């Protein structure tokens, strides 16, 4: 029974690419299932896409906002998109703060 449990734990452990997929919710699991595709696309190991903004190695994942879109971004541009898009959680806070600030300034001026 103990051996079965240990074997099950070993089978569920994922390689480094799988860990990145879990943390980023990206498609790095393709390195386990279809590595030839990623190699053919020129994507280095440890990444699953090329940033559509700057072309650097990145990760293919869902858009950070409430948009039905999947794209590839490097970590820098993904964070930037999350902070500036009004439908992403951090972006919502930023845009709400900006709108409240504008209303506050307009109320103070008039």
Protein backbone atom coordinates (compact mmCIF):
# COMPACT_ATOMS: atom_id res chain seq x y z
CA UNK A 1 0.00 0.00 0.00
CA UNK A 2 2.82 2.39 0.89
CA UNK A 3 4.62 1.53 -2.36
CA UNK A 4 1.47 2.26 -4.38
CA UNK A 5 1.15 5.66 -2.74
CA UNK A 6 4.82 6.48 -3.42
CA UNK A 7 4.48 5.35 -7.05
CA UNK A 8 1.37 7.49 -7.48
CA UNK A 9 3.24 10.50 -6.08
CA UNK A 10 6.14 9.91 -8.47
CA UNK A 11 3.78 9.69 -11.44
CA UNK A 12 2.09 12.99 -10.57
CA UNK A 13 5.35 14.89 -10.30
CA UNK A 14 5.84 17.03 -13.37
CA UNK A 15 9.08 18.24 -14.94
CA UNK A 16 10.23 21.86 -14.68
CA UNK A 17 8.10 22.93 -17.63
CA UNK A 18 5.02 21.52 -15.89
CA UNK A 19 5.80 23.51 -12.75
CA UNK A 20 5.87 26.69 -14.80
CA UNK A 21 2.55 25.75 -16.36
CA UNK A 22 0.99 25.35 -12.93
CA UNK A 23 2.37 28.62 -11.65
CA UNK A 24 1.57 30.66 -14.75
CA UNK A 25 -1.34 28.62 -16.08
CA UNK A 26 0.36 28.43 -19.48
CA UNK A 27 1.00 25.77 -22.11
CA UNK A 28 4.49 24.65 -21.06
CA UNK A 29 3.03 21.16 -20.78
CA UNK A 30 3.50 20.94 -24.55
CA UNK A 31 7.15 20.13 -23.81
CA UNK A 32 5.86 16.86 -22.34
CA UNK A 33 3.37 16.05 -25.10
CA UNK A 34 4.69 17.62 -28.33
CA UNK A 35 8.22 19.00 -27.94
CA UNK A 36 8.90 18.79 -31.68
CA UNK A 37 6.28 21.46 -32.38
CA UNK A 38 7.88 23.92 -29.96
CA UNK A 39 11.37 23.17 -31.32
CA UNK A 40 10.10 23.68 -34.88
CA UNK A 41 8.65 27.07 -33.86
CA UNK A 42 12.03 28.08 -32.39
CA UNK A 43 10.81 28.29 -28.82
CA UNK A 44 13.54 27.65 -26.22
CA UNK A 45 13.12 25.05 -23.47
CA UNK A 46 11.31 26.43 -20.43
CA UNK A 47 8.99 28.62 -22.51
CA UNK A 48 5.90 27.87 -24.56
CA UNK A 49 5.61 30.88 -26.84
CA UNK A 50 7.18 34.05 -28.16
CA UNK A 51 5.97 37.40 -26.84
CA UNK A 52 3.66 38.98 -29.39
CA UNK A 53 4.86 42.43 -28.30
CA UNK A 54 8.66 42.14 -28.21
CA UNK A 55 9.39 38.66 -29.64
CA UNK A 56 11.29 37.45 -26.56
CA UNK A 57 10.61 33.94 -25.18
CA UNK A 58 7.43 33.94 -23.13
CA UNK A 59 4.40 31.87 -22.25
CA UNK A 60 1.15 31.19 -24.08
CA UNK A 61 -1.72 31.83 -21.70
CA UNK A 62 -5.14 33.34 -21.31
CA UNK A 63 -5.49 37.11 -21.47
CA UNK A 64 -5.28 38.55 -17.93
CA UNK A 65 -8.61 40.36 -18.30
CA UNK A 66 -12.13 39.18 -19.02
CA UNK A 67 -11.41 38.79 -22.71
CA UNK A 68 -11.81 35.49 -24.61
CA UNK A 69 -8.28 35.58 -26.02
CA UNK A 70 -5.17 33.45 -25.64
CA UNK A 71 -1.82 34.93 -26.56
CA UNK A 72 1.86 34.71 -25.81
CA UNK A 73 3.61 37.30 -23.67
CA UNK A 74 6.89 37.55 -21.81
CA UNK A 75 6.45 38.06 -18.07
CA UNK A 76 7.16 41.80 -18.35
CA UNK A 77 4.48 42.45 -20.97
CA UNK A 78 1.97 40.14 -19.26
CA UNK A 79 2.30 42.14 -16.03
CA UNK A 80 2.07 45.40 -17.96
CA UNK A 81 -1.09 44.18 -19.69
CA UNK A 82 -2.60 43.05 -16.38
CA UNK A 83 -1.95 46.46 -14.79
CA UNK A 84 -3.22 48.52 -17.72
CA UNK A 85 -6.20 46.54 -19.03
CA UNK A 86 -9.42 47.74 -17.36
CA UNK A 87 -10.93 44.23 -17.21
CA UNK A 88 -7.96 42.62 -15.42
CA UNK A 89 -8.05 42.71 -11.62
CA UNK A 90 -5.04 44.99 -11.00
CA UNK A 91 -6.04 47.13 -13.98
CA UNK A 92 -9.54 47.53 -12.61
CA UNK A 93 -8.11 48.96 -9.40
CA UNK A 94 -5.84 51.31 -11.34
CA UNK A 95 -8.61 52.54 -13.65
CA UNK A 96 -11.11 52.87 -10.78
CA UNK A 97 -8.56 54.93 -8.85
CA UNK A 98 -8.01 57.15 -11.88
CA UNK A 99 -11.74 57.70 -12.37
CA UNK A 100 -12.26 58.46 -8.68
CA UNK A 101 -9.30 60.85 -8.81
CA UNK A 102 -10.76 62.70 -11.79
CA UNK A 103 -14.15 63.00 -10.08
CA UNK A 104 -12.42 64.26 -6.93
CA UNK A 105 -10.48 66.91 -8.86
CA UNK A 106 -13.56 68.02 -10.78
CA UNK A 107 -15.55 68.26 -7.53
CA UNK A 108 -12.80 70.35 -5.90
CA UNK A 109 -12.54 72.70 -8.88
CA UNK A 110 -16.27 73.39 -9.20
